[in-house]
Amino acid sequence: MKLNELISQFEIFMSNEEERVYDKLTEPTPLHQYTLREQTLIQNLVRKSLVSKIRQNDIVLVVKNDQAFST
């Protein structure tokens, strides 16, 4: 039996604050444009594998993992 058959829905817990910041991430955005608190929340989302950091030249961009990103 496959894992997908056992688990119909897989959700990762997000706090209300994390969810608000996650919803703001509509496109790849430089990390420095967020407040210090938002940066901390984004780091939490990176640890939960919901957000990825992308280094482009000297800028660190953050993007949701469910979006395709082309350089």
C-alpha atoms as a PDB file:
ATOM      1  CA  MET A   1       0.000   0.000   0.000  1.00  0.00           C
ATOM      2  CA  LYS A   2       1.358   3.411  -0.936  1.00  0.00           C
ATOM      3  CA  LEU A   3       1.713   6.269   1.490  1.00  0.00           C
ATOM      4  CA  ASN A   4      -0.511   8.460  -0.691  1.00  0.00           C
ATOM      5  CA  GLU A   5      -3.320   5.955  -0.256  1.00  0.00           C
ATOM      6  CA  LEU A   6      -2.996   6.080   3.523  1.00  0.00           C
ATOM      7  CA  ILE A   7      -2.790   9.844   3.822  1.00  0.00           C
ATOM      8  CA  SER A   8      -5.514  11.594   1.873  1.00  0.00           C
ATOM      9  CA  GLN A   9      -4.532  15.083   2.983  1.00  0.00           C
ATOM     10  CA  PHE A  10      -1.122  16.167   4.170  1.00  0.00           C
ATOM     11  CA  GLU A  11      -1.004  19.540   5.890  1.00  0.00           C
ATOM     12  CA  ILE A  12       1.825  21.337   7.625  1.00  0.00           C
ATOM     13  CA  PHE A  13       0.840  23.479  10.572  1.00  0.00           C
ATOM     14  CA  MET A  14       1.281  27.243  10.163  1.00  0.00           C
ATOM     15  CA  SER A  15       0.585  29.882  12.763  1.00  0.00           C
ATOM     16  CA  ASN A  16      -1.657  32.807  11.810  1.00  0.00           C
ATOM     17  CA  GLU A  17       1.384  35.066  11.458  1.00  0.00           C
ATOM     18  CA  GLU A  18       3.186  32.559   9.243  1.00  0.00           C
ATOM     19  CA  GLU A  19       0.099  32.183   7.081  1.00  0.00           C
ATOM     20  CA  ARG A  20      -0.182  35.954   6.552  1.00  0.00           C
ATOM     21  CA  VAL A  21       3.458  36.163   5.472  1.00  0.00           C
ATOM     22  CA  TYR A  22       3.080  33.042   3.301  1.00  0.00           C
ATOM     23  CA  ASP A  23       0.111  34.618   1.514  1.00  0.00           C
ATOM     24  CA  LYS A  24       2.211  37.725   0.787  1.00  0.00           C
ATOM     25  CA  LEU A  25       4.722  35.618  -1.155  1.00  0.00           C
ATOM     26  CA  THR A  26       3.049  35.850  -4.546  1.00  0.00           C
ATOM     27  CA  GLU A  27       6.285  36.128  -6.540  1.00  0.00           C
ATOM     28  CA  PRO A  28      10.033  35.834  -5.883  1.00  0.00           C
ATOM     29  CA  THR A  29      10.880  38.726  -3.557  1.00  0.00           C
ATOM     30  CA  PRO A  30      14.163  39.873  -1.992  1.00  0.00           C
ATOM     31  CA  LEU A  31      14.333  38.834   1.649  1.00  0.00           C
ATOM     32  CA  HIS A  32      15.591  42.248   2.768  1.00  0.00           C
ATOM     33  CA  GLN A  33      12.255  43.851   1.780  1.00  0.00           C
ATOM     34  CA  TYR A  34      10.558  42.213   4.757  1.00  0.00           C
ATOM     35  CA  THR A  35      10.631  43.403   8.346  1.00  0.00           C
ATOM     36  CA  LEU A  36      12.826  41.603  10.854  1.00  0.00           C
ATOM     37  CA  ARG A  37       9.784  39.797  12.310  1.00  0.00           C
ATOM     38  CA  GLU A  38       8.625  38.715   8.847  1.00  0.00           C
ATOM     39  CA  GLN A  39      12.149  37.484   8.055  1.00  0.00           C
ATOM     40  CA  THR A  40      12.031  35.320  11.176  1.00  0.00           C
ATOM     41  CA  LEU A  41       8.671  33.899  10.120  1.00  0.00           C
ATOM     42  CA  ILE A  42      10.031  33.249   6.622  1.00  0.00           C
ATOM     43  CA  GLN A  43      12.965  31.357   8.175  1.00  0.00           C
ATOM     44  CA  ASN A  44      10.412  29.186  10.003  1.00  0.00           C
ATOM     45  CA  LEU A  45       8.615  28.533   6.714  1.00  0.00           C
ATOM     46  CA  VAL A  46      11.937  27.605   5.085  1.00  0.00           C
ATOM     47  CA  ARG A  47      12.540  25.051   7.869  1.00  0.00           C
ATOM     48  CA  LYS A  48       9.071  23.631   7.236  1.00  0.00           C
ATOM     49  CA  SER A  49       9.919  23.381   3.497  1.00  0.00           C
ATOM     50  CA  LEU A  50       7.072  25.664   2.508  1.00  0.00           C
ATOM     51  CA  VAL A  51       9.349  28.442   1.229  1.00  0.00           C
ATOM     52  CA  SER A  52      12.681  28.345  -0.581  1.00  0.00           C
ATOM     53  CA  LYS A  53      15.557  30.774  -0.587  1.00  0.00           C
ATOM     54  CA  ILE A  54      17.155  31.415  -3.957  1.00  0.00           C
ATOM     55  CA  ARG A  55      20.486  33.187  -4.247  1.00  0.00           C
ATOM     56  CA  GLN A  56      20.682  35.308  -7.391  1.00  0.00           C
ATOM     57  CA  ASN A  57      23.901  37.306  -7.693  1.00  0.00           C
ATOM     58  CA  ASP A  58      24.179  38.990  -4.266  1.00  0.00           C
ATOM     59  CA  ILE A  59      20.444  38.988  -3.534  1.00  0.00           C
ATOM     60  CA  VAL A  60      18.541  36.335  -1.596  1.00  0.00           C
ATOM     61  CA  LEU A  61      15.041  35.816  -2.988  1.00  0.00           C
ATOM     62  CA  VAL A  62      12.257  33.932  -1.234  1.00  0.00           C
ATOM     63  CA  VAL A  63       9.512  32.077  -3.045  1.00  0.00           C
ATOM     64  CA  LYS A  64       6.742  29.595  -2.227  1.00  0.00           C
ATOM     65  CA  ASN A  65       7.678  26.017  -3.031  1.00  0.00           C
ATOM     66  CA  ASP A  66       4.539  25.417  -5.054  1.00  0.00           C
ATOM     67  CA  GLN A  67       5.562  27.930  -7.731  1.00  0.00           C
ATOM     68  CA  ALA A  68       7.919  27.427 -10.622  1.00  0.00           C
ATOM     69  CA  PHE A  69      10.850  29.832 -10.772  1.00  0.00           C
ATOM     70  CA  SER A  70      12.955  30.494 -13.832  1.00  0.00           C
ATOM     71  CA  THR A  71      16.225  32.416 -13.827  1.00  0.00           C
END
